N, C-alpha and C. Protein backbone atom coordinates (compact mmCIF):
# COMPACT_ATOMS: atom_id res chain seq x y z
N MET A 1 -52.40 -1.68 -12.04
CA MET A 1 -51.22 -1.39 -12.87
C MET A 1 -50.38 -0.30 -12.20
N GLN A 2 -49.14 -0.64 -11.87
CA GLN A 2 -48.22 0.33 -11.29
C GLN A 2 -47.35 0.91 -12.40
N LEU A 3 -47.72 2.09 -12.87
CA LEU A 3 -46.96 2.77 -13.91
C LEU A 3 -46.21 3.92 -13.26
N ALA A 4 -44.90 3.99 -13.48
CA ALA A 4 -44.08 5.04 -12.87
C ALA A 4 -43.42 5.89 -13.96
N ILE A 5 -43.43 7.20 -13.73
CA ILE A 5 -42.73 8.15 -14.59
C ILE A 5 -41.43 8.51 -13.88
N VAL A 6 -40.31 8.28 -14.55
CA VAL A 6 -39.00 8.49 -13.93
C VAL A 6 -38.62 9.97 -14.01
N ASP A 7 -38.30 10.53 -12.87
CA ASP A 7 -37.90 11.94 -12.78
C ASP A 7 -36.38 12.04 -12.83
N ALA A 8 -35.86 12.41 -14.01
CA ALA A 8 -34.41 12.58 -14.18
C ALA A 8 -34.01 14.04 -13.95
N GLY A 9 -34.95 14.84 -13.47
CA GLY A 9 -34.66 16.24 -13.22
C GLY A 9 -34.73 17.11 -14.45
N ILE A 10 -35.26 16.58 -15.55
CA ILE A 10 -35.39 17.37 -16.78
C ILE A 10 -36.81 17.22 -17.33
N GLY A 11 -37.46 18.35 -17.54
CA GLY A 11 -38.72 18.29 -18.28
C GLY A 11 -39.96 18.41 -17.42
N ASN A 12 -41.05 18.66 -18.11
CA ASN A 12 -42.35 18.81 -17.48
C ASN A 12 -43.03 17.45 -17.41
N LEU A 13 -42.87 16.77 -16.28
CA LEU A 13 -43.40 15.42 -16.15
C LEU A 13 -44.90 15.42 -15.94
N ARG A 14 -45.41 16.52 -15.42
CA ARG A 14 -46.85 16.60 -15.13
C ARG A 14 -47.68 16.48 -16.41
N SER A 15 -47.20 17.03 -17.52
CA SER A 15 -47.97 16.94 -18.77
C SER A 15 -48.07 15.50 -19.25
N VAL A 16 -47.01 14.72 -19.04
CA VAL A 16 -47.05 13.30 -19.40
C VAL A 16 -48.01 12.57 -18.47
N GLN A 17 -47.92 12.88 -17.19
CA GLN A 17 -48.83 12.26 -16.21
C GLN A 17 -50.29 12.56 -16.56
N LYS A 18 -50.58 13.80 -16.94
CA LYS A 18 -51.96 14.20 -17.26
C LYS A 18 -52.48 13.45 -18.49
N ALA A 19 -51.60 13.19 -19.47
CA ALA A 19 -52.03 12.44 -20.66
C ALA A 19 -52.45 11.03 -20.27
N PHE A 20 -51.69 10.39 -19.39
CA PHE A 20 -52.07 9.04 -18.93
C PHE A 20 -53.33 9.09 -18.08
N GLU A 21 -53.48 10.14 -17.26
CA GLU A 21 -54.70 10.27 -16.45
C GLU A 21 -55.93 10.38 -17.34
N PHE A 22 -55.79 11.08 -18.46
CA PHE A 22 -56.88 11.20 -19.43
C PHE A 22 -57.29 9.82 -19.95
N LEU A 23 -56.32 8.91 -20.02
CA LEU A 23 -56.58 7.55 -20.51
C LEU A 23 -56.96 6.58 -19.38
N GLY A 24 -57.09 7.11 -18.16
CA GLY A 24 -57.62 6.32 -17.06
C GLY A 24 -56.60 5.68 -16.15
N VAL A 25 -55.33 6.05 -16.28
CA VAL A 25 -54.28 5.51 -15.41
C VAL A 25 -53.55 6.67 -14.76
N THR A 26 -53.32 6.58 -13.46
CA THR A 26 -52.57 7.64 -12.77
C THR A 26 -51.19 7.13 -12.39
N PRO A 27 -50.16 7.53 -13.16
CA PRO A 27 -48.81 7.07 -12.84
C PRO A 27 -48.23 7.88 -11.69
N SER A 28 -47.31 7.27 -10.96
CA SER A 28 -46.55 8.02 -9.97
C SER A 28 -45.35 8.66 -10.66
N ILE A 29 -44.89 9.79 -10.13
CA ILE A 29 -43.66 10.43 -10.60
C ILE A 29 -42.62 10.20 -9.52
N THR A 30 -41.46 9.64 -9.89
CA THR A 30 -40.52 9.22 -8.85
C THR A 30 -39.06 9.38 -9.26
N HIS A 31 -38.20 9.64 -8.29
CA HIS A 31 -36.75 9.52 -8.49
C HIS A 31 -36.19 8.51 -7.48
N ASP A 32 -37.05 7.64 -7.00
CA ASP A 32 -36.67 6.61 -6.02
C ASP A 32 -36.43 5.29 -6.74
N PRO A 33 -35.20 4.76 -6.70
CA PRO A 33 -34.91 3.49 -7.39
C PRO A 33 -35.80 2.34 -6.94
N ASP A 34 -36.20 2.33 -5.67
CA ASP A 34 -37.06 1.24 -5.17
C ASP A 34 -38.44 1.28 -5.83
N VAL A 35 -38.97 2.49 -6.02
CA VAL A 35 -40.27 2.63 -6.69
C VAL A 35 -40.14 2.20 -8.15
N VAL A 36 -39.03 2.59 -8.78
CA VAL A 36 -38.77 2.20 -10.17
C VAL A 36 -38.75 0.68 -10.29
N LEU A 37 -38.05 0.02 -9.38
CA LEU A 37 -37.90 -1.43 -9.48
C LEU A 37 -39.16 -2.20 -9.12
N SER A 38 -40.10 -1.55 -8.44
CA SER A 38 -41.35 -2.23 -8.09
C SER A 38 -42.47 -1.97 -9.10
N ALA A 39 -42.21 -1.10 -10.10
CA ALA A 39 -43.25 -0.74 -11.07
C ALA A 39 -43.50 -1.87 -12.07
N ASP A 40 -44.72 -1.89 -12.60
CA ASP A 40 -45.06 -2.83 -13.68
C ASP A 40 -44.52 -2.34 -15.02
N ALA A 41 -44.45 -1.02 -15.16
CA ALA A 41 -43.98 -0.42 -16.41
C ALA A 41 -43.41 0.96 -16.09
N LEU A 42 -42.49 1.41 -16.94
CA LEU A 42 -41.83 2.70 -16.73
C LEU A 42 -41.95 3.59 -17.95
N VAL A 43 -42.00 4.90 -17.67
CA VAL A 43 -41.89 5.92 -18.72
C VAL A 43 -40.74 6.85 -18.32
N LEU A 44 -39.82 7.08 -19.25
CA LEU A 44 -38.72 8.01 -19.02
C LEU A 44 -38.85 9.17 -19.99
N PRO A 45 -39.45 10.29 -19.54
CA PRO A 45 -39.56 11.46 -20.41
C PRO A 45 -38.36 12.38 -20.18
N GLY A 46 -38.26 13.41 -20.99
CA GLY A 46 -37.21 14.40 -20.78
C GLY A 46 -37.25 15.50 -21.80
N VAL A 47 -37.01 16.71 -21.32
CA VAL A 47 -36.84 17.88 -22.18
C VAL A 47 -35.59 18.58 -21.68
N GLY A 48 -34.69 18.96 -22.58
CA GLY A 48 -33.49 19.64 -22.12
C GLY A 48 -32.25 18.88 -22.52
N ALA A 49 -31.20 19.01 -21.73
CA ALA A 49 -29.89 18.51 -22.12
C ALA A 49 -29.66 17.07 -21.68
N PHE A 50 -29.04 16.31 -22.57
CA PHE A 50 -28.69 14.91 -22.34
C PHE A 50 -27.83 14.76 -21.08
N GLY A 51 -26.78 15.58 -20.97
CA GLY A 51 -25.86 15.49 -19.83
C GLY A 51 -26.55 15.72 -18.51
N ASP A 52 -27.46 16.70 -18.48
CA ASP A 52 -28.22 16.96 -17.25
C ASP A 52 -29.09 15.77 -16.88
N GLY A 53 -29.68 15.14 -17.91
CA GLY A 53 -30.53 13.97 -17.67
C GLY A 53 -29.74 12.82 -17.08
N MET A 54 -28.56 12.55 -17.65
CA MET A 54 -27.74 11.45 -17.12
C MET A 54 -27.26 11.77 -15.70
N GLN A 55 -26.91 13.02 -15.45
CA GLN A 55 -26.48 13.42 -14.11
C GLN A 55 -27.62 13.21 -13.11
N GLY A 56 -28.84 13.59 -13.54
CA GLY A 56 -30.01 13.40 -12.67
C GLY A 56 -30.28 11.94 -12.36
N LEU A 57 -30.08 11.08 -13.34
CA LEU A 57 -30.26 9.65 -13.12
C LEU A 57 -29.19 9.09 -12.19
N ARG A 58 -27.94 9.48 -12.44
CA ARG A 58 -26.83 8.91 -11.67
C ARG A 58 -26.87 9.33 -10.21
N GLN A 59 -27.21 10.60 -9.97
CA GLN A 59 -27.12 11.07 -8.57
C GLN A 59 -28.17 10.42 -7.68
N ASN A 60 -29.21 9.85 -8.30
CA ASN A 60 -30.22 9.14 -7.51
C ASN A 60 -30.11 7.62 -7.63
N GLY A 61 -29.07 7.15 -8.31
CA GLY A 61 -28.92 5.70 -8.50
C GLY A 61 -29.93 5.12 -9.47
N LEU A 62 -30.52 6.00 -10.29
CA LEU A 62 -31.56 5.53 -11.21
C LEU A 62 -30.98 4.84 -12.44
N ASP A 63 -29.73 5.15 -12.78
CA ASP A 63 -29.14 4.51 -13.96
C ASP A 63 -29.07 3.00 -13.76
N ALA A 64 -28.60 2.57 -12.58
CA ALA A 64 -28.52 1.14 -12.29
C ALA A 64 -29.91 0.53 -12.19
N ALA A 65 -30.85 1.26 -11.59
CA ALA A 65 -32.23 0.76 -11.46
C ALA A 65 -32.88 0.58 -12.82
N LEU A 66 -32.63 1.51 -13.75
CA LEU A 66 -33.21 1.40 -15.09
C LEU A 66 -32.65 0.19 -15.82
N HIS A 67 -31.35 -0.04 -15.70
CA HIS A 67 -30.74 -1.23 -16.32
C HIS A 67 -31.39 -2.50 -15.77
N GLN A 68 -31.56 -2.55 -14.46
CA GLN A 68 -32.14 -3.74 -13.82
C GLN A 68 -33.58 -3.93 -14.26
N PHE A 69 -34.33 -2.83 -14.34
CA PHE A 69 -35.73 -2.89 -14.76
C PHE A 69 -35.84 -3.41 -16.20
N ILE A 70 -35.04 -2.81 -17.09
CA ILE A 70 -35.11 -3.20 -18.51
C ILE A 70 -34.73 -4.67 -18.69
N GLU A 71 -33.71 -5.11 -17.95
CA GLU A 71 -33.29 -6.52 -18.05
C GLU A 71 -34.35 -7.48 -17.55
N SER A 72 -35.27 -6.99 -16.72
CA SER A 72 -36.35 -7.84 -16.21
C SER A 72 -37.41 -8.14 -17.26
N GLY A 73 -37.38 -7.39 -18.37
CA GLY A 73 -38.34 -7.64 -19.45
C GLY A 73 -39.65 -6.87 -19.33
N ARG A 74 -39.76 -6.01 -18.33
CA ARG A 74 -41.00 -5.24 -18.18
C ARG A 74 -41.05 -4.08 -19.18
N PRO A 75 -42.26 -3.61 -19.51
CA PRO A 75 -42.41 -2.58 -20.54
C PRO A 75 -41.77 -1.24 -20.15
N PHE A 76 -41.06 -0.65 -21.11
CA PHE A 76 -40.35 0.60 -20.89
C PHE A 76 -40.58 1.53 -22.09
N LEU A 77 -40.96 2.78 -21.81
CA LEU A 77 -41.19 3.77 -22.87
C LEU A 77 -40.35 5.01 -22.60
N GLY A 78 -39.50 5.37 -23.57
CA GLY A 78 -38.74 6.62 -23.50
C GLY A 78 -39.39 7.68 -24.37
N ILE A 79 -39.37 8.93 -23.91
CA ILE A 79 -39.97 10.05 -24.64
C ILE A 79 -38.93 11.17 -24.79
N CYS A 80 -38.70 11.61 -26.02
CA CYS A 80 -37.81 12.73 -26.36
C CYS A 80 -36.40 12.47 -25.83
N VAL A 81 -35.91 13.23 -24.87
CA VAL A 81 -34.57 12.97 -24.33
C VAL A 81 -34.53 11.58 -23.69
N GLY A 82 -35.68 11.10 -23.25
CA GLY A 82 -35.77 9.74 -22.71
C GLY A 82 -35.42 8.68 -23.73
N LEU A 83 -35.68 8.95 -25.01
CA LEU A 83 -35.19 8.07 -26.09
C LEU A 83 -33.68 8.19 -26.21
N GLN A 84 -33.18 9.42 -26.23
CA GLN A 84 -31.75 9.64 -26.46
C GLN A 84 -30.88 9.03 -25.37
N LEU A 85 -31.36 9.09 -24.12
CA LEU A 85 -30.57 8.58 -22.99
C LEU A 85 -30.35 7.07 -23.07
N LEU A 86 -31.16 6.37 -23.85
CA LEU A 86 -30.99 4.92 -23.99
C LEU A 86 -29.73 4.56 -24.78
N PHE A 87 -29.21 5.51 -25.56
CA PHE A 87 -28.07 5.21 -26.43
C PHE A 87 -26.75 5.37 -25.67
N ALA A 88 -25.67 4.97 -26.34
CA ALA A 88 -24.37 4.86 -25.66
C ALA A 88 -23.76 6.22 -25.34
N GLU A 89 -23.94 7.20 -26.24
CA GLU A 89 -23.26 8.48 -26.02
C GLU A 89 -23.96 9.59 -26.78
N SER A 90 -23.67 10.82 -26.34
CA SER A 90 -24.22 12.01 -27.00
C SER A 90 -23.14 13.06 -27.11
N GLU A 91 -23.21 13.83 -28.20
CA GLU A 91 -22.26 14.92 -28.41
C GLU A 91 -22.85 16.26 -27.96
N GLU A 92 -23.98 16.24 -27.26
CA GLU A 92 -24.62 17.49 -26.86
C GLU A 92 -23.81 18.20 -25.77
N MET A 93 -23.33 19.40 -26.09
CA MET A 93 -22.55 20.21 -25.14
C MET A 93 -21.38 19.41 -24.55
N GLY A 94 -20.54 18.90 -25.45
CA GLY A 94 -19.44 18.03 -25.02
C GLY A 94 -19.81 16.58 -25.23
N TRP A 95 -19.02 15.67 -24.71
CA TRP A 95 -19.28 14.24 -24.87
C TRP A 95 -19.84 13.68 -23.56
N HIS A 96 -20.94 12.96 -23.67
CA HIS A 96 -21.57 12.37 -22.48
C HIS A 96 -21.89 10.91 -22.74
N ARG A 97 -21.64 10.09 -21.75
CA ARG A 97 -22.01 8.68 -21.83
C ARG A 97 -23.46 8.50 -21.43
N GLY A 98 -24.22 7.73 -22.23
CA GLY A 98 -25.62 7.48 -21.92
C GLY A 98 -25.80 6.16 -21.18
N LEU A 99 -27.03 5.67 -21.15
CA LEU A 99 -27.31 4.40 -20.48
C LEU A 99 -26.71 3.22 -21.23
N GLY A 100 -26.53 3.36 -22.53
CA GLY A 100 -25.90 2.30 -23.31
C GLY A 100 -26.75 1.06 -23.49
N VAL A 101 -28.07 1.22 -23.35
CA VAL A 101 -28.98 0.09 -23.53
C VAL A 101 -29.10 -0.23 -25.03
N LEU A 102 -29.09 0.81 -25.85
CA LEU A 102 -29.14 0.65 -27.30
C LEU A 102 -27.81 1.14 -27.89
N PRO A 103 -27.20 0.39 -28.81
CA PRO A 103 -25.94 0.83 -29.40
C PRO A 103 -26.17 1.98 -30.39
N GLY A 104 -25.32 2.97 -30.30
CA GLY A 104 -25.45 4.12 -31.19
C GLY A 104 -25.15 5.40 -30.44
N ARG A 105 -25.32 6.52 -31.11
CA ARG A 105 -24.99 7.80 -30.50
C ARG A 105 -26.05 8.84 -30.84
N VAL A 106 -25.96 9.97 -30.17
CA VAL A 106 -26.89 11.07 -30.38
C VAL A 106 -26.10 12.26 -30.91
N VAL A 107 -26.54 12.81 -32.04
CA VAL A 107 -25.80 13.89 -32.72
C VAL A 107 -26.72 15.08 -32.97
N ARG A 108 -26.10 16.23 -33.23
CA ARG A 108 -26.85 17.45 -33.51
C ARG A 108 -27.33 17.43 -34.96
N PHE A 109 -28.47 18.07 -35.20
CA PHE A 109 -28.88 18.28 -36.59
C PHE A 109 -27.82 19.12 -37.29
N PRO A 110 -27.69 18.97 -38.62
CA PRO A 110 -26.71 19.78 -39.35
C PRO A 110 -26.92 21.28 -39.11
N HIS A 111 -25.80 22.00 -39.09
CA HIS A 111 -25.87 23.43 -38.75
C HIS A 111 -26.67 24.25 -39.76
N ALA A 112 -26.85 23.71 -40.96
CA ALA A 112 -27.64 24.44 -41.96
C ALA A 112 -29.12 24.49 -41.60
N LEU A 113 -29.55 23.62 -40.69
CA LEU A 113 -30.96 23.56 -40.32
C LEU A 113 -31.24 24.44 -39.10
N THR A 114 -32.46 24.93 -39.03
CA THR A 114 -32.90 25.66 -37.84
C THR A 114 -33.09 24.67 -36.69
N VAL A 115 -32.47 24.94 -35.56
CA VAL A 115 -32.70 24.11 -34.38
C VAL A 115 -33.16 25.03 -33.24
N PRO A 116 -34.00 24.51 -32.33
CA PRO A 116 -34.49 23.13 -32.37
C PRO A 116 -35.47 22.86 -33.51
N HIS A 117 -35.54 21.58 -33.88
CA HIS A 117 -36.60 21.10 -34.77
C HIS A 117 -37.86 21.12 -33.92
N MET A 118 -38.74 22.08 -34.20
CA MET A 118 -39.86 22.31 -33.29
C MET A 118 -41.16 22.42 -34.06
N GLY A 119 -42.16 21.71 -33.58
CA GLY A 119 -43.49 21.77 -34.20
C GLY A 119 -43.91 20.41 -34.74
N TRP A 120 -44.88 20.45 -35.64
CA TRP A 120 -45.50 19.23 -36.15
C TRP A 120 -44.74 18.70 -37.35
N ASN A 121 -44.53 17.39 -37.35
CA ASN A 121 -43.89 16.73 -38.48
C ASN A 121 -44.42 15.30 -38.58
N GLN A 122 -44.08 14.64 -39.67
CA GLN A 122 -44.73 13.36 -39.99
C GLN A 122 -43.92 12.13 -39.57
N LEU A 123 -44.67 11.08 -39.23
CA LEU A 123 -44.08 9.77 -38.99
C LEU A 123 -44.14 8.95 -40.27
N HIS A 124 -43.01 8.40 -40.69
CA HIS A 124 -42.95 7.52 -41.86
C HIS A 124 -42.61 6.12 -41.36
N ARG A 125 -43.58 5.25 -41.45
CA ARG A 125 -43.45 3.91 -40.88
C ARG A 125 -42.42 3.07 -41.65
N ARG A 126 -41.49 2.47 -40.91
CA ARG A 126 -40.51 1.56 -41.50
C ARG A 126 -40.95 0.10 -41.34
N GLN A 127 -41.62 -0.17 -40.23
CA GLN A 127 -42.11 -1.53 -39.97
C GLN A 127 -43.30 -1.46 -39.03
N ASP A 128 -44.10 -2.49 -39.05
CA ASP A 128 -45.27 -2.53 -38.18
C ASP A 128 -44.85 -2.75 -36.74
N HIS A 129 -45.59 -2.14 -35.83
CA HIS A 129 -45.31 -2.30 -34.41
C HIS A 129 -46.58 -1.95 -33.65
N PHE A 130 -46.81 -2.65 -32.52
CA PHE A 130 -48.05 -2.43 -31.77
C PHE A 130 -48.18 -0.97 -31.31
N LEU A 131 -47.06 -0.29 -31.09
CA LEU A 131 -47.12 1.09 -30.62
C LEU A 131 -47.82 2.01 -31.63
N LEU A 132 -47.74 1.63 -32.91
CA LEU A 132 -48.34 2.45 -33.97
C LEU A 132 -49.66 1.88 -34.49
N LYS A 133 -50.25 0.99 -33.72
CA LYS A 133 -51.55 0.41 -34.12
C LYS A 133 -52.57 1.53 -34.26
N GLY A 134 -53.22 1.61 -35.40
CA GLY A 134 -54.23 2.64 -35.61
C GLY A 134 -53.67 4.00 -35.96
N VAL A 135 -52.35 4.11 -36.08
CA VAL A 135 -51.72 5.38 -36.44
C VAL A 135 -51.39 5.34 -37.93
N PRO A 136 -52.00 6.19 -38.74
CA PRO A 136 -51.76 6.13 -40.18
C PRO A 136 -50.34 6.57 -40.54
N ASP A 137 -49.79 5.96 -41.59
CA ASP A 137 -48.49 6.40 -42.08
C ASP A 137 -48.60 7.86 -42.50
N GLY A 138 -47.62 8.66 -42.12
CA GLY A 138 -47.67 10.08 -42.44
C GLY A 138 -48.37 10.93 -41.39
N ALA A 139 -48.80 10.32 -40.28
CA ALA A 139 -49.47 11.07 -39.21
C ALA A 139 -48.52 12.13 -38.64
N PHE A 140 -49.11 13.25 -38.22
CA PHE A 140 -48.32 14.35 -37.66
C PHE A 140 -48.26 14.25 -36.13
N VAL A 141 -47.05 14.46 -35.60
CA VAL A 141 -46.83 14.50 -34.15
C VAL A 141 -45.94 15.70 -33.83
N TYR A 142 -45.83 16.01 -32.54
CA TYR A 142 -45.16 17.26 -32.14
C TYR A 142 -43.74 17.01 -31.62
N PHE A 143 -42.79 17.75 -32.20
CA PHE A 143 -41.37 17.60 -31.86
C PHE A 143 -40.83 18.88 -31.22
N ALA A 144 -39.79 18.72 -30.40
CA ALA A 144 -39.01 19.85 -29.88
C ALA A 144 -37.64 19.31 -29.47
N HIS A 145 -36.67 19.34 -30.40
CA HIS A 145 -35.34 18.78 -30.10
C HIS A 145 -34.31 19.31 -31.08
N SER A 146 -33.05 19.33 -30.64
CA SER A 146 -31.94 19.79 -31.47
C SER A 146 -30.99 18.66 -31.84
N TYR A 147 -31.19 17.50 -31.20
CA TYR A 147 -30.31 16.34 -31.39
C TYR A 147 -31.17 15.13 -31.74
N HIS A 148 -30.57 14.16 -32.41
CA HIS A 148 -31.31 12.94 -32.76
C HIS A 148 -30.39 11.74 -32.68
N ALA A 149 -31.00 10.58 -32.54
CA ALA A 149 -30.24 9.33 -32.40
C ALA A 149 -29.77 8.82 -33.76
N VAL A 150 -28.58 8.21 -33.76
CA VAL A 150 -28.06 7.48 -34.91
C VAL A 150 -27.78 6.06 -34.43
N PRO A 151 -28.76 5.15 -34.55
CA PRO A 151 -28.57 3.78 -34.04
C PRO A 151 -27.55 3.01 -34.87
N ASP A 152 -26.75 2.18 -34.19
CA ASP A 152 -25.86 1.26 -34.91
C ASP A 152 -26.67 0.18 -35.62
N ASP A 153 -27.78 -0.19 -35.01
CA ASP A 153 -28.62 -1.27 -35.52
C ASP A 153 -29.90 -0.67 -36.12
N GLN A 154 -29.97 -0.64 -37.45
CA GLN A 154 -31.12 -0.01 -38.11
C GLN A 154 -32.40 -0.83 -37.96
N THR A 155 -32.28 -2.09 -37.52
CA THR A 155 -33.50 -2.90 -37.39
C THR A 155 -34.37 -2.44 -36.23
N ILE A 156 -33.84 -1.59 -35.34
CA ILE A 156 -34.66 -1.09 -34.22
C ILE A 156 -35.52 0.10 -34.63
N VAL A 157 -35.31 0.63 -35.85
CA VAL A 157 -36.04 1.82 -36.28
C VAL A 157 -37.43 1.44 -36.77
N ILE A 158 -38.45 1.92 -36.07
CA ILE A 158 -39.85 1.61 -36.42
C ILE A 158 -40.43 2.67 -37.34
N ALA A 159 -40.06 3.93 -37.10
CA ALA A 159 -40.53 5.03 -37.94
C ALA A 159 -39.46 6.11 -37.99
N THR A 160 -39.45 6.85 -39.10
CA THR A 160 -38.52 7.96 -39.25
C THR A 160 -39.31 9.24 -39.51
N THR A 161 -38.62 10.36 -39.37
CA THR A 161 -39.18 11.67 -39.69
C THR A 161 -38.14 12.42 -40.49
N ASP A 162 -38.59 13.25 -41.43
CA ASP A 162 -37.68 13.95 -42.33
C ASP A 162 -37.47 15.39 -41.86
N TYR A 163 -36.23 15.71 -41.51
CA TYR A 163 -35.85 17.09 -41.24
C TYR A 163 -34.40 17.25 -41.69
N GLY A 164 -34.22 17.69 -42.92
CA GLY A 164 -32.89 17.74 -43.50
C GLY A 164 -32.30 16.36 -43.70
N GLY A 165 -33.14 15.36 -43.83
CA GLY A 165 -32.74 13.95 -43.87
C GLY A 165 -33.57 13.17 -42.87
N HIS A 166 -33.57 11.86 -42.99
CA HIS A 166 -34.41 11.03 -42.13
C HIS A 166 -33.69 10.72 -40.81
N PHE A 167 -34.41 10.90 -39.70
CA PHE A 167 -33.88 10.49 -38.40
C PHE A 167 -34.91 9.57 -37.74
N PRO A 168 -34.48 8.71 -36.81
CA PRO A 168 -35.42 7.78 -36.16
C PRO A 168 -36.35 8.55 -35.20
N SER A 169 -37.65 8.39 -35.40
CA SER A 169 -38.61 9.03 -34.49
C SER A 169 -39.32 8.02 -33.61
N VAL A 170 -39.26 6.73 -33.97
CA VAL A 170 -39.73 5.65 -33.09
C VAL A 170 -38.72 4.51 -33.18
N VAL A 171 -38.22 4.06 -32.03
CA VAL A 171 -37.33 2.89 -32.01
C VAL A 171 -37.89 1.85 -31.04
N ALA A 172 -37.56 0.60 -31.29
CA ALA A 172 -38.05 -0.47 -30.42
C ALA A 172 -37.12 -1.67 -30.49
N ARG A 173 -36.90 -2.27 -29.32
CA ARG A 173 -36.19 -3.55 -29.25
C ARG A 173 -36.67 -4.29 -28.01
N ASP A 174 -37.19 -5.48 -28.23
CA ASP A 174 -37.69 -6.31 -27.13
C ASP A 174 -38.72 -5.51 -26.31
N ASN A 175 -38.43 -5.27 -25.02
CA ASN A 175 -39.39 -4.57 -24.15
C ASN A 175 -39.11 -3.07 -24.06
N ILE A 176 -38.21 -2.56 -24.92
CA ILE A 176 -37.85 -1.14 -24.91
C ILE A 176 -38.47 -0.47 -26.12
N TRP A 177 -39.24 0.58 -25.87
CA TRP A 177 -39.83 1.38 -26.95
C TRP A 177 -39.57 2.84 -26.63
N ALA A 178 -39.33 3.63 -27.66
CA ALA A 178 -39.05 5.04 -27.40
C ALA A 178 -39.44 5.88 -28.61
N VAL A 179 -39.88 7.10 -28.31
CA VAL A 179 -40.31 8.04 -29.35
C VAL A 179 -39.56 9.36 -29.17
N GLN A 180 -39.16 9.97 -30.28
CA GLN A 180 -38.42 11.24 -30.22
C GLN A 180 -39.37 12.43 -30.03
N PHE A 181 -40.62 12.26 -30.41
CA PHE A 181 -41.61 13.34 -30.30
C PHE A 181 -42.28 13.31 -28.93
N HIS A 182 -43.22 14.22 -28.74
CA HIS A 182 -43.95 14.31 -27.47
C HIS A 182 -45.38 13.81 -27.67
N PRO A 183 -45.67 12.56 -27.32
CA PRO A 183 -47.05 12.07 -27.50
C PRO A 183 -48.05 12.86 -26.67
N GLU A 184 -47.60 13.37 -25.51
CA GLU A 184 -48.50 14.12 -24.62
C GLU A 184 -48.89 15.47 -25.22
N LYS A 185 -48.19 15.88 -26.29
CA LYS A 185 -48.51 17.16 -26.96
C LYS A 185 -48.98 16.93 -28.39
N SER A 186 -49.23 15.67 -28.74
CA SER A 186 -49.51 15.30 -30.13
C SER A 186 -50.99 14.97 -30.38
N GLY A 187 -51.87 15.49 -29.53
CA GLY A 187 -53.30 15.34 -29.77
C GLY A 187 -53.77 13.90 -29.82
N ARG A 188 -54.71 13.63 -30.71
CA ARG A 188 -55.34 12.31 -30.79
C ARG A 188 -54.33 11.21 -31.14
N ILE A 189 -53.40 11.52 -32.05
CA ILE A 189 -52.39 10.53 -32.45
C ILE A 189 -51.50 10.15 -31.26
N GLY A 190 -51.08 11.16 -30.52
CA GLY A 190 -50.24 10.89 -29.35
C GLY A 190 -50.94 10.05 -28.31
N LEU A 191 -52.22 10.36 -28.08
CA LEU A 191 -53.00 9.58 -27.11
C LEU A 191 -53.18 8.14 -27.59
N SER A 192 -53.33 7.95 -28.89
CA SER A 192 -53.43 6.58 -29.44
C SER A 192 -52.18 5.78 -29.13
N ILE A 193 -51.02 6.42 -29.27
CA ILE A 193 -49.75 5.73 -29.01
C ILE A 193 -49.63 5.38 -27.53
N LEU A 194 -49.99 6.31 -26.65
CA LEU A 194 -49.94 6.03 -25.20
C LEU A 194 -50.95 4.96 -24.83
N ARG A 195 -52.11 4.96 -25.48
CA ARG A 195 -53.13 3.93 -25.22
C ARG A 195 -52.61 2.56 -25.65
N ASN A 196 -51.93 2.49 -26.79
CA ASN A 196 -51.34 1.23 -27.25
C ASN A 196 -50.32 0.72 -26.24
N PHE A 197 -49.54 1.63 -25.66
CA PHE A 197 -48.57 1.25 -24.63
C PHE A 197 -49.28 0.67 -23.41
N LEU A 198 -50.36 1.32 -22.97
CA LEU A 198 -51.11 0.83 -21.81
C LEU A 198 -51.73 -0.54 -22.08
N GLU A 199 -52.24 -0.73 -23.29
CA GLU A 199 -52.83 -2.03 -23.64
C GLU A 199 -51.78 -3.12 -23.61
N HIS A 200 -50.58 -2.78 -24.04
CA HIS A 200 -49.50 -3.78 -24.03
C HIS A 200 -49.12 -4.12 -22.59
N ILE A 201 -49.11 -3.13 -21.70
CA ILE A 201 -48.82 -3.39 -20.29
C ILE A 201 -49.87 -4.36 -19.75
N SER A 202 -51.14 -4.10 -20.04
CA SER A 202 -52.22 -4.98 -19.55
C SER A 202 -52.02 -6.40 -20.06
N ASP A 203 -51.67 -6.53 -21.35
CA ASP A 203 -51.41 -7.87 -21.91
C ASP A 203 -50.23 -8.54 -21.21
N HIS A 204 -49.20 -7.75 -20.94
CA HIS A 204 -48.00 -8.27 -20.26
C HIS A 204 -48.36 -8.79 -18.87
N LEU A 205 -49.19 -8.01 -18.15
CA LEU A 205 -49.55 -8.39 -16.79
C LEU A 205 -50.45 -9.61 -16.76
N SER A 206 -51.27 -9.77 -17.82
CA SER A 206 -52.18 -10.91 -17.85
C SER A 206 -51.53 -12.14 -18.48
N GLY A 207 -50.27 -11.98 -18.89
CA GLY A 207 -49.51 -13.12 -19.43
C GLY A 207 -49.79 -13.45 -20.87
N HIS A 208 -50.43 -12.53 -21.60
CA HIS A 208 -50.73 -12.80 -23.02
C HIS A 208 -49.49 -12.53 -23.87
């Protein structure tokens, strides 16, 4: 299994890599479009600013590679800012165009709330999905973000979390799955979600 973690120049990628290593898979960390396009599955993590992430992708030609990879139907997982970058635009520190794979935008939490939204909060399941297999409704996961996605298409929302109102914490469409929280920092529940992702990759590779 060739699993690659995309380096957009934002975030601690090693912690994500270590979580997968704990589950028995050693992903490569790369900013090389050729490595991205040869992978069986991709993970796009990110901590920090949306604009910086898009700049990091564009300067290495990774934006085009990610579009090509996603269109191929291979498994793709976005984490935190990696979820946000999938949407069309973000208002974080000005206006920035995203990958535009999912229709919608990324907005700041209301100013009345403390940001970043940081720490443990609950997942409220909207629909069943393999990514949440074995994850109880109301399970706690770890968040660290000041912005959240507002999808145009609500059918992609798998789970929400409540922070001054409900925001999407898990989204999915076809071969694209993304989580707003940090599974690599979410203990047993986070590892369960990453394990479900790995099992799906194995099924995909075996043609099931």
